[in-house]
Amino acid sequence: YEVRCGLFANQTSCISYGAIYVDPSFSMLV
């Protein structure tokens, strides 16, 4: 979505930016 809206050039640069944090409680809730 952020690539499509022009904030990043590609998905790789967005993922490597490190701005997305996967909450560890996700799997514990599951």
Full PDB file with SEQRES, HELIX, SHEET, SSBOND, CRYST1, ORIGX, SCALE, CONECT and MASTER records, all heavy atoms in Angstrom:
SEQRES   1 A   30  TYR GLU VAL ARG CYS GLY LEU PHE ALA ASN GLN THR SER          
SEQRES   2 A   30  CYS ILE SER TYR GLY ALA ILE TYR VAL ASP PRO SER PHE          
SEQRES   3 A   30  SER MET LEU VAL                                              
HELIX    1 AA1 GLN A   11  TYR A   17  1                                   7    
HELIX    2 AA2 SER A   25  LEU A   29  1                                   5    
CRYST1    1.000    1.000    1.000  90.00  90.00  90.00 P 1           1          
ORIGX1      1.000000  0.000000  0.000000        0.00000                         
ORIGX2      0.000000  1.000000  0.000000        0.00000                         
ORIGX3      0.000000  0.000000  1.000000        0.00000                         
SCALE1      1.000000  0.000000  0.000000        0.00000                         
SCALE2      0.000000  1.000000  0.000000        0.00000                         
SCALE3      0.000000  0.000000  1.000000        0.00000                         
ATOM      1  N   TYR A   1       0.836  -1.202   0.000  1.00  0.00           N  
ATOM      2  CA  TYR A   1       0.000   0.000   0.000  1.00  0.00           C  
ATOM      3  C   TYR A   1       0.872   1.254   0.000  1.00  0.00           C  
ATOM      4  O   TYR A   1       0.637   2.190  -0.763  1.00  0.00           O  
ATOM      5  CB  TYR A   1      -0.918  -0.025   1.225  1.00  0.00           C  
ATOM      6  CG  TYR A   1      -1.754   1.222   1.412  1.00  0.00           C  
ATOM      7  CD1 TYR A   1      -2.748   1.545   0.503  1.00  0.00           C  
ATOM      8  CD2 TYR A   1      -1.559   2.063   2.506  1.00  0.00           C  
ATOM      9  CE1 TYR A   1      -3.527   2.692   0.666  1.00  0.00           C  
ATOM     10  CE2 TYR A   1      -2.333   3.198   2.680  1.00  0.00           C  
ATOM     11  CZ  TYR A   1      -3.313   3.507   1.758  1.00  0.00           C  
ATOM     12  OH  TYR A   1      -4.080   4.635   1.918  1.00  0.00           O  
ATOM     13  N   GLU A   2       1.902   1.284   0.820  1.00  0.00           N  
ATOM     14  CA  GLU A   2       2.746   2.475   0.907  1.00  0.00           C  
ATOM     15  C   GLU A   2       3.586   2.662  -0.358  1.00  0.00           C  
ATOM     16  O   GLU A   2       3.887   3.789  -0.742  1.00  0.00           O  
ATOM     17  CB  GLU A   2       3.621   2.398   2.157  1.00  0.00           C  
ATOM     18  CG  GLU A   2       2.776   2.431   3.427  1.00  0.00           C  
ATOM     19  CD  GLU A   2       3.541   2.836   4.667  1.00  0.00           C  
ATOM     20  OE1 GLU A   2       4.757   2.595   4.728  1.00  0.00           O  
ATOM     21  OE2 GLU A   2       2.903   3.410   5.575  1.00  0.00           O  
ATOM     22  N   VAL A   3       3.940   1.552  -1.016  1.00  0.00           N  
ATOM     23  CA  VAL A   3       4.629   1.652  -2.309  1.00  0.00           C  
ATOM     24  C   VAL A   3       3.668   2.224  -3.347  1.00  0.00           C  
ATOM     25  O   VAL A   3       4.005   3.131  -4.118  1.00  0.00           O  
ATOM     26  CB  VAL A   3       5.163   0.270  -2.755  1.00  0.00           C  
ATOM     27  CG1 VAL A   3       5.629   0.318  -4.209  1.00  0.00           C  
ATOM     28  CG2 VAL A   3       6.311  -0.167  -1.849  1.00  0.00           C  
ATOM     29  N   ARG A   4       2.446   1.691  -3.364  1.00  0.00           N  
ATOM     30  CA  ARG A   4       1.437   2.163  -4.322  1.00  0.00           C  
ATOM     31  C   ARG A   4       1.146   3.646  -4.154  1.00  0.00           C  
ATOM     32  O   ARG A   4       0.875   4.361  -5.128  1.00  0.00           O  
ATOM     33  CB  ARG A   4       0.161   1.325  -4.154  1.00  0.00           C  
ATOM     34  CG  ARG A   4      -0.992   1.696  -5.060  1.00  0.00           C  
ATOM     35  CD  ARG A   4      -1.970   0.549  -5.208  1.00  0.00           C  
ATOM     36  NE  ARG A   4      -2.461   0.032  -3.943  1.00  0.00           N  
ATOM     37  CZ  ARG A   4      -3.495   0.539  -3.285  1.00  0.00           C  
ATOM     38  NH1 ARG A   4      -4.129   1.596  -3.763  1.00  0.00           N  
ATOM     39  NH2 ARG A   4      -3.907  -0.006  -2.152  1.00  0.00           N  
ATOM     40  N   CYS A   5       1.203   4.131  -2.910  1.00  0.00           N  
ATOM     41  CA  CYS A   5       0.921   5.541  -2.648  1.00  0.00           C  
ATOM     42  C   CYS A   5       2.176   6.419  -2.728  1.00  0.00           C  
ATOM     43  O   CYS A   5       2.117   7.615  -2.433  1.00  0.00           O  
ATOM     44  CB  CYS A   5       0.270   5.689  -1.277  1.00  0.00           C  
ATOM     45  SG  CYS A   5      -1.382   4.931  -1.189  1.00  0.00           S  
ATOM     46  N   GLY A   6       3.305   5.821  -3.108  1.00  0.00           N  
ATOM     47  CA  GLY A   6       4.492   6.619  -3.404  1.00  0.00           C  
ATOM     48  C   GLY A   6       5.402   6.944  -2.246  1.00  0.00           C  
ATOM     49  O   GLY A   6       6.298   7.788  -2.391  1.00  0.00           O  
ATOM     50  N   LEU A   7       5.244   6.281  -1.091  1.00  0.00           N  
ATOM     51  CA  LEU A   7       6.108   6.582   0.050  1.00  0.00           C  
ATOM     52  C   LEU A   7       7.413   5.800   0.007  1.00  0.00           C  
ATOM     53  O   LEU A   7       8.402   6.193   0.628  1.00  0.00           O  
ATOM     54  CB  LEU A   7       5.373   6.279   1.361  1.00  0.00           C  
ATOM     55  CG  LEU A   7       4.079   7.058   1.596  1.00  0.00           C  
ATOM     56  CD1 LEU A   7       3.494   6.723   2.952  1.00  0.00           C  
ATOM     57  CD2 LEU A   7       4.320   8.558   1.488  1.00  0.00           C  
ATOM     58  N   PHE A   8       7.422   4.676  -0.703  1.00  0.00           N  
ATOM     59  CA  PHE A   8       8.624   3.873  -0.904  1.00  0.00           C  
ATOM     60  C   PHE A   8       8.717   3.490  -2.373  1.00  0.00           C  
ATOM     61  O   PHE A   8       7.704   3.412  -3.072  1.00  0.00           O  
ATOM     62  CB  PHE A   8       8.580   2.594  -0.057  1.00  0.00           C  
ATOM     63  CG  PHE A   8       8.783   2.810   1.416  1.00  0.00           C  
ATOM     64  CD1 PHE A   8       7.690   2.908   2.268  1.00  0.00           C  
ATOM     65  CD2 PHE A   8      10.055   2.901   1.951  1.00  0.00           C  
ATOM     66  CE1 PHE A   8       7.866   3.094   3.631  1.00  0.00           C  
ATOM     67  CE2 PHE A   8      10.241   3.090   3.312  1.00  0.00           C  
ATOM     68  CZ  PHE A   8       9.151   3.194   4.160  1.00  0.00           C  
ATOM     69  N   ALA A   9       9.944   3.183  -2.811  1.00  0.00           N  
ATOM     70  CA  ALA A   9      10.145   2.785  -4.199  1.00  0.00           C  
ATOM     71  C   ALA A   9       9.689   1.353  -4.440  1.00  0.00           C  
ATOM     72  O   ALA A   9       9.197   1.014  -5.515  1.00  0.00           O  
ATOM     73  CB  ALA A   9      11.619   2.936  -4.584  1.00  0.00           C  
ATOM     74  N   ASN A  10       9.862   0.482  -3.445  1.00  0.00           N  
ATOM     75  CA  ASN A  10       9.498  -0.926  -3.598  1.00  0.00           C  
ATOM     76  C   ASN A  10       9.283  -1.549  -2.219  1.00  0.00           C  
ATOM     77  O   ASN A  10       9.608  -0.942  -1.192  1.00  0.00           O  
ATOM     78  CB  ASN A  10      10.570  -1.690  -4.379  1.00  0.00           C  
ATOM     79  CG  ASN A  10      11.957  -1.439  -3.816  1.00  0.00           C  
ATOM     80  OD1 ASN A  10      12.204  -1.645  -2.624  1.00  0.00           O  
ATOM     81  ND2 ASN A  10      12.874  -0.971  -4.665  1.00  0.00           N  
ATOM     82  N   GLN A  11       8.743  -2.760  -2.231  1.00  0.00           N  
ATOM     83  CA  GLN A  11       8.429  -3.420  -0.965  1.00  0.00           C  
ATOM     84  C   GLN A  11       9.690  -3.709  -0.154  1.00  0.00           C  
ATOM     85  O   GLN A  11       9.702  -3.603   1.079  1.00  0.00           O  
ATOM     86  CB  GLN A  11       7.671  -4.720  -1.216  1.00  0.00           C  
ATOM     87  CG  GLN A  11       7.125  -5.352   0.059  1.00  0.00           C  
ATOM     88  CD  GLN A  11       6.535  -6.723  -0.149  1.00  0.00           C  
ATOM     89  OE1 GLN A  11       7.250  -7.719  -0.056  1.00  0.00           O  
ATOM     90  NE2 GLN A  11       5.240  -6.789  -0.429  1.00  0.00           N  
ATOM     91  N   THR A  12      10.777  -4.064  -0.839  1.00  0.00           N  
ATOM     92  CA  THR A  12      12.023  -4.385  -0.145  1.00  0.00           C  
ATOM     93  C   THR A  12      12.505  -3.215   0.695  1.00  0.00           C  
ATOM     94  O   THR A  12      12.891  -3.376   1.860  1.00  0.00           O  
ATOM     95  CB  THR A  12      13.116  -4.788  -1.154  1.00  0.00           C  
ATOM     96  OG1 THR A  12      12.657  -5.918  -1.902  1.00  0.00           O  
ATOM     97  CG2 THR A  12      14.407  -5.147  -0.449  1.00  0.00           C  
ATOM     98  N   SER A  13      12.478  -2.003   0.126  1.00  0.00           N  
ATOM     99  CA  SER A  13      12.955  -0.844   0.877  1.00  0.00           C  
ATOM    100  C   SER A  13      12.024  -0.531   2.040  1.00  0.00           C  
ATOM    101  O   SER A  13      12.469  -0.086   3.098  1.00  0.00           O  
ATOM    102  CB  SER A  13      13.093   0.382  -0.040  1.00  0.00           C  
ATOM    103  OG  SER A  13      11.858   0.711  -0.637  1.00  0.00           O  
ATOM    104  N   CYS A  14      10.729  -0.807   1.885  1.00  0.00           N  
ATOM    105  CA  CYS A  14       9.780  -0.585   2.972  1.00  0.00           C  
ATOM    106  C   CYS A  14      10.016  -1.571   4.112  1.00  0.00           C  
ATOM    107  O   CYS A  14      10.117  -1.182   5.280  1.00  0.00           O  
ATOM    108  CB  CYS A  14       8.346  -0.719   2.451  1.00  0.00           C  
ATOM    109  SG  CYS A  14       7.064  -0.626   3.732  1.00  0.00           S  
ATOM    110  N   ILE A  15      10.147  -2.856   3.786  1.00  0.00           N  
ATOM    111  CA  ILE A  15      10.366  -3.879   4.810  1.00  0.00           C  
ATOM    112  C   ILE A  15      11.688  -3.641   5.535  1.00  0.00           C  
ATOM    113  O   ILE A  15      11.770  -3.700   6.759  1.00  0.00           O  
ATOM    114  CB  ILE A  15      10.356  -5.284   4.189  1.00  0.00           C  
ATOM    115  CG1 ILE A  15       8.963  -5.641   3.650  1.00  0.00           C  
ATOM    116  CG2 ILE A  15      10.811  -6.331   5.207  1.00  0.00           C  
ATOM    117  CD1 ILE A  15       7.919  -5.901   4.693  1.00  0.00           C  
ATOM    118  N   SER A  16      12.750  -3.313   4.772  1.00  0.00           N  
ATOM    119  CA  SER A  16      14.068  -3.132   5.397  1.00  0.00           C  
ATOM    120  C   SER A  16      14.122  -1.859   6.227  1.00  0.00           C  
ATOM    121  O   SER A  16      14.966  -1.727   7.113  1.00  0.00           O  
ATOM    122  CB  SER A  16      15.172  -3.103   4.328  1.00  0.00           C  
ATOM    123  OG  SER A  16      15.006  -1.984   3.468  1.00  0.00           O  
ATOM    124  N   TYR A  17      13.220  -0.920   5.976  1.00  0.00           N  
ATOM    125  CA  TYR A  17      13.180   0.297   6.777  1.00  0.00           C  
ATOM    126  C   TYR A  17      12.983  -0.037   8.256  1.00  0.00           C  
ATOM    127  O   TYR A  17      13.437   0.677   9.139  1.00  0.00           O  
ATOM    128  CB  TYR A  17      12.044   1.202   6.277  1.00  0.00           C  
ATOM    129  CG  TYR A  17      11.988   2.545   6.945  1.00  0.00           C  
ATOM    130  CD1 TYR A  17      12.644   3.638   6.423  1.00  0.00           C  
ATOM    131  CD2 TYR A  17      11.264   2.721   8.133  1.00  0.00           C  
ATOM    132  CE1 TYR A  17      12.604   4.872   7.043  1.00  0.00           C  
ATOM    133  CE2 TYR A  17      11.216   3.952   8.762  1.00  0.00           C  
ATOM    134  CZ  TYR A  17      11.884   5.022   8.212  1.00  0.00           C  
ATOM    135  OH  TYR A  17      11.850   6.244   8.842  1.00  0.00           O  
ATOM    136  N   GLY A  18      12.298  -1.138   8.515  1.00  0.00           N  
ATOM    137  CA  GLY A  18      12.116  -1.569   9.897  1.00  0.00           C  
ATOM    138  C   GLY A  18      11.013  -0.849  10.621  1.00  0.00           C  
ATOM    139  O   GLY A  18      10.958  -0.861  11.842  1.00  0.00           O  
ATOM    140  N   ALA A  19      10.118  -0.191   9.874  1.00  0.00           N  
ATOM    141  CA  ALA A  19       9.062   0.593  10.513  1.00  0.00           C  
ATOM    142  C   ALA A  19       7.853  -0.247  10.885  1.00  0.00           C  
ATOM    143  O   ALA A  19       6.917   0.256  11.463  1.00  0.00           O  
ATOM    144  CB  ALA A  19       8.633   1.734   9.600  1.00  0.00           C  
ATOM    145  N   ILE A  20       7.866  -1.528  10.531  1.00  0.00           N  
ATOM    146  CA  ILE A  20       6.740  -2.395  10.859  1.00  0.00           C  
ATOM    147  C   ILE A  20       7.188  -3.405  11.907  1.00  0.00           C  
ATOM    148  O   ILE A  20       8.121  -4.166  11.698  1.00  0.00           O  
ATOM    149  CB  ILE A  20       6.204  -3.120   9.607  1.00  0.00           C  
ATOM    150  CG1 ILE A  20       5.644  -2.098   8.629  1.00  0.00           C  
ATOM    151  CG2 ILE A  20       5.142  -4.123   9.987  1.00  0.00           C  
ATOM    152  CD1 ILE A  20       5.139  -2.687   7.348  1.00  0.00           C  
ATOM    153  N   TYR A  21       6.534  -3.391  13.032  1.00  0.00           N  
ATOM    154  CA  TYR A  21       6.889  -4.253  14.157  1.00  0.00           C  
ATOM    155  C   TYR A  21       5.814  -5.310  14.351  1.00  0.00           C  
ATOM    156  O   TYR A  21       4.647  -4.986  14.519  1.00  0.00           O  
ATOM    157  CB  TYR A  21       7.038  -3.394  15.415  1.00  0.00           C  
ATOM    158  CG  TYR A  21       7.146  -4.171  16.703  1.00  0.00           C  
ATOM    159  CD1 TYR A  21       8.198  -5.054  16.909  1.00  0.00           C  
ATOM    160  CD2 TYR A  21       6.194  -4.024  17.708  1.00  0.00           C  
ATOM    161  CE1 TYR A  21       8.296  -5.766  18.093  1.00  0.00           C  
ATOM    162  CE2 TYR A  21       6.289  -4.736  18.889  1.00  0.00           C  
ATOM    163  CZ  TYR A  21       7.343  -5.611  19.080  1.00  0.00           C  
ATOM    164  OH  TYR A  21       7.440  -6.304  20.246  1.00  0.00           O  
ATOM    165  N   VAL A  22       6.204  -6.575  14.295  1.00  0.00           N  
ATOM    166  CA  VAL A  22       5.251  -7.665  14.480  1.00  0.00           C  
ATOM    167  C   VAL A  22       5.136  -7.956  15.972  1.00  0.00           C  
ATOM    168  O   VAL A  22       6.093  -8.386  16.615  1.00  0.00           O  
ATOM    169  CB  VAL A  22       5.698  -8.927  13.710  1.00  0.00           C  
ATOM    170  CG1 VAL A  22       4.730 -10.069  13.979  1.00  0.00           C  
ATOM    171  CG2 VAL A  22       5.783  -8.635  12.225  1.00  0.00           C  
ATOM    172  N   ASP A  23       3.972  -7.702  16.529  1.00  0.00           N  
ATOM    173  CA  ASP A  23       3.743  -7.869  17.953  1.00  0.00           C  
ATOM    174  C   ASP A  23       3.865  -9.346  18.344  1.00  0.00           C  
ATOM    175  O   ASP A  23       3.169 -10.196  17.796  1.00  0.00           O  
ATOM    176  CB  ASP A  23       2.336  -7.356  18.287  1.00  0.00           C  
ATOM    177  CG  ASP A  23       2.095  -7.197  19.768  1.00  0.00           C  
ATOM    178  OD1 ASP A  23       2.636  -8.011  20.539  1.00  0.00           O  
ATOM    179  OD2 ASP A  23       1.365  -6.265  20.146  1.00  0.00           O  
ATOM    180  N   PRO A  24       4.744  -9.677  19.310  1.00  0.00           N  
ATOM    181  CA  PRO A  24       4.931 -11.084  19.688  1.00  0.00           C  
ATOM    182  C   PRO A  24       3.697 -11.702  20.347  1.00  0.00           C  
ATOM    183  O   PRO A  24       3.570 -12.924  20.401  1.00  0.00           O  
ATOM    184  CB  PRO A  24       6.100 -11.026  20.675  1.00  0.00           C  
ATOM    185  CG  PRO A  24       6.093  -9.629  21.209  1.00  0.00           C  
ATOM    186  CD  PRO A  24       5.621  -8.776  20.064  1.00  0.00           C  
ATOM    187  N   SER A  25       2.787 -10.873  20.854  1.00  0.00           N  
ATOM    188  CA  SER A  25       1.600 -11.422  21.502  1.00  0.00           C  
ATOM    189  C   SER A  25       0.629 -12.032  20.492  1.00  0.00           C  
ATOM    190  O   SER A  25      -0.311 -12.735  20.873  1.00  0.00           O  
ATOM    191  CB  SER A  25       0.883 -10.345  22.316  1.00  0.00           C  
ATOM    192  OG  SER A  25       0.398  -9.311  21.489  1.00  0.00           O  
ATOM    193  N   PHE A  26       0.874 -11.770  19.206  1.00  0.00           N  
ATOM    194  CA  PHE A  26       0.031 -12.316  18.137  1.00  0.00           C  
ATOM    195  C   PHE A  26      -0.074 -13.836  18.235  1.00  0.00           C  
ATOM    196  O   PHE A  26      -1.155 -14.410  18.360  1.00  0.00           O  
ATOM    197  CB  PHE A  26       0.624 -11.892  16.798  1.00  0.00           C  
ATOM    198  CG  PHE A  26      -0.093 -12.402  15.585  1.00  0.00           C  
ATOM    199  CD1 PHE A  26      -1.125 -11.692  15.018  1.00  0.00           C  
ATOM    200  CD2 PHE A  26       0.282 -13.605  15.012  1.00  0.00           C  
ATOM    201  CE1 PHE A  26      -1.775 -12.165  13.892  1.00  0.00           C  
ATOM    202  CE2 PHE A  26      -0.363 -14.081  13.888  1.00  0.00           C  
ATOM    203  CZ  PHE A  26      -1.389 -13.358  13.334  1.00  0.00           C  
ATOM    204  N   SER A  27       1.071 -14.520  18.202  1.00  0.00           N  
ATOM    205  CA  SER A  27       1.048 -15.983  18.214  1.00  0.00           C  
ATOM    206  C   SER A  27       0.587 -16.516  19.567  1.00  0.00           C  
ATOM    207  O   SER A  27      -0.040 -17.577  19.649  1.00  0.00           O  
ATOM    208  CB  SER A  27       2.436 -16.540  17.883  1.00  0.00           C  
ATOM    209  OG  SER A  27       3.388 -16.067  18.812  1.00  0.00           O  
ATOM    210  N   MET A  28       0.880 -15.778  20.647  1.00  0.00           N  
ATOM    211  CA  MET A  28       0.466 -16.234  21.974  1.00  0.00           C  
ATOM    212  C   MET A  28      -1.052 -16.185  22.120  1.00  0.00           C  
ATOM    213  O   MET A  28      -1.661 -17.055  22.752  1.00  0.00           O  
ATOM    214  CB  MET A  28       1.148 -15.393  23.040  1.00  0.00           C  
ATOM    215  CG  MET A  28       2.660 -15.535  23.040  1.00  0.00           C  
ATOM    216  SD  MET A  28       3.488 -14.565  24.306  1.00  0.00           S  
ATOM    217  CE  MET A  28       3.030 -15.477  25.777  1.00  0.00           C  
ATOM    218  N   LEU A  29      -1.664 -15.175  21.534  1.00  0.00           N  
ATOM    219  CA  LEU A  29      -3.118 -15.090  21.561  1.00  0.00           C  
ATOM    220  C   LEU A  29      -3.727 -16.251  20.791  1.00  0.00           C  
ATOM    221  O   LEU A  29      -4.697 -16.879  21.219  1.00  0.00           O  
ATOM    222  CB  LEU A  29      -3.580 -13.756  20.977  1.00  0.00           C  
ATOM    223  CG  LEU A  29      -5.093 -13.533  20.905  1.00  0.00           C  
ATOM    224  CD1 LEU A  29      -5.701 -13.516  22.295  1.00  0.00           C  
ATOM    225  CD2 LEU A  29      -5.406 -12.246  20.165  1.00  0.00           C  
ATOM    226  N   VAL A  30      -3.111 -16.547  19.646  1.00  0.00           N  
ATOM    227  CA  VAL A  30      -3.584 -17.668  18.824  1.00  0.00           C  
ATOM    228  C   VAL A  30      -3.499 -18.975  19.603  1.00  0.00           C  
ATOM    229  O   VAL A  30      -4.436 -19.779  19.643  1.00  0.00           O  
ATOM    230  CB  VAL A  30      -2.729 -17.777  17.544  1.00  0.00           C  
ATOM    231  CG1 VAL A  30      -3.067 -19.044  16.782  1.00  0.00           C  
ATOM    232  CG2 VAL A  30      -2.941 -16.563  16.665  1.00  0.00           C  
TER     233      VAL A  30                                                      
MASTER        0    0    0    2    0    0    0    6  232    1    0    3          
END                                                                             
